[in-house]
């Protein structure tokens, strides 16, 4: 199974969206500073996960979430938006 994940920095509260087959291994890489785009926000915590049966479906969903990152849809997805 492939997972789309959202992590949040415990230092600057920024978000990162990605997809992977092994979430534990991937979060370890983020927190070890091995991922260029998350190197300066560590430590990171997983705040959202979705599962998909194929890599292409997970990647498409990742792109969809990235397209509304920071907006109302993103906040609703994370349960941060109150109507």
Protein backbone atom coordinates (compact mmCIF):
# COMPACT_ATOMS: atom_id res chain seq x y z
CA UNK A 1 0.00 0.00 0.00
CA UNK A 2 1.12 3.53 -0.77
CA UNK A 3 0.41 6.38 1.55
CA UNK A 4 -0.07 10.10 1.10
CA UNK A 5 1.07 11.88 4.21
CA UNK A 6 1.18 15.35 5.66
CA UNK A 7 3.76 16.18 8.27
CA UNK A 8 4.06 19.31 10.36
CA UNK A 9 7.22 20.88 11.73
CA UNK A 10 7.31 21.15 15.51
CA UNK A 11 9.68 24.11 15.13
CA UNK A 12 7.99 26.41 12.61
CA UNK A 13 4.55 24.79 12.11
CA UNK A 14 5.10 24.41 8.35
CA UNK A 15 3.58 21.50 6.43
CA UNK A 16 5.06 19.01 3.99
CA UNK A 17 3.01 16.73 1.74
CA UNK A 18 4.42 13.56 0.21
CA UNK A 19 3.76 9.93 -0.68
CA UNK A 20 5.63 6.77 0.18
CA UNK A 21 5.32 3.04 0.64
CA UNK A 22 7.03 3.05 4.07
CA UNK A 23 5.87 5.94 6.26
CA UNK A 24 8.08 5.04 9.23
CA UNK A 25 11.22 4.98 7.10
CA UNK A 26 10.26 8.23 5.38
CA UNK A 27 9.55 10.16 8.61
CA UNK A 28 12.88 8.93 9.96
CA UNK A 29 14.59 10.43 6.90
CA UNK A 30 12.73 13.72 7.36
CA UNK A 31 13.76 13.90 11.01
CA UNK A 32 17.37 12.93 10.25
CA UNK A 33 17.69 15.90 7.89
CA UNK A 34 18.12 13.68 4.82
CA UNK A 35 15.33 15.38 2.85
CA UNK A 36 16.42 18.74 1.46
CA UNK A 37 13.03 20.45 1.67
CA UNK A 38 12.40 19.45 5.31
CA UNK A 39 15.95 19.67 6.62
CA UNK A 40 15.43 22.91 8.54
CA UNK A 41 12.06 22.20 10.12
CA UNK A 42 12.89 19.11 12.11
CA UNK A 43 11.51 17.51 14.11
CA UNK A 44 8.41 16.63 12.10
CA UNK A 45 5.27 14.77 13.12
CA UNK A 46 2.73 12.97 10.95
CA UNK A 47 -0.64 14.67 11.14
CA UNK A 48 -2.51 13.06 8.22
CA UNK A 49 -2.45 9.78 6.24
CA UNK A 50 -4.40 8.28 3.33
CA UNK A 51 -3.81 4.84 1.75
CA UNK A 52 -3.84 3.94 -1.94
CA UNK A 53 -3.28 0.67 -3.76
CA UNK A 54 -1.02 2.15 -6.45
CA UNK A 55 1.83 4.62 -6.52
CA UNK A 56 0.20 6.59 -9.33
CA UNK A 57 -3.03 7.07 -7.34
CA UNK A 58 -1.04 8.22 -4.31
CA UNK A 59 0.99 10.63 -6.42
CA UNK A 60 -2.13 12.09 -8.03
CA UNK A 61 -3.67 12.64 -4.59
CA UNK A 62 -0.43 14.24 -3.36
CA UNK A 63 -0.58 16.71 -6.25
CA UNK A 64 -4.25 17.41 -5.56
CA UNK A 65 -3.57 18.21 -1.90
CA UNK A 66 -0.59 20.37 -2.85
CA UNK A 67 -2.79 22.34 -5.23
CA UNK A 68 -4.86 23.60 -2.30
CA UNK A 69 -2.17 23.72 0.36
CA UNK A 70 -2.76 26.56 2.76
CA UNK A 71 -6.27 27.27 1.52
CA UNK A 72 -9.70 26.45 2.90
CA UNK A 73 -9.71 22.93 1.36
CA UNK A 74 -6.38 22.17 3.03
CA UNK A 75 -7.61 23.43 6.39
CA UNK A 76 -10.84 21.42 6.03
CA UNK A 77 -8.85 18.28 5.20
CA UNK A 78 -6.90 18.68 8.44
CA UNK A 79 -9.97 19.64 10.45
CA UNK A 80 -8.67 23.15 11.06
CA UNK A 81 -11.51 25.02 9.34
CA UNK A 82 -14.66 25.96 11.17
CA UNK A 83 -17.64 27.14 9.08
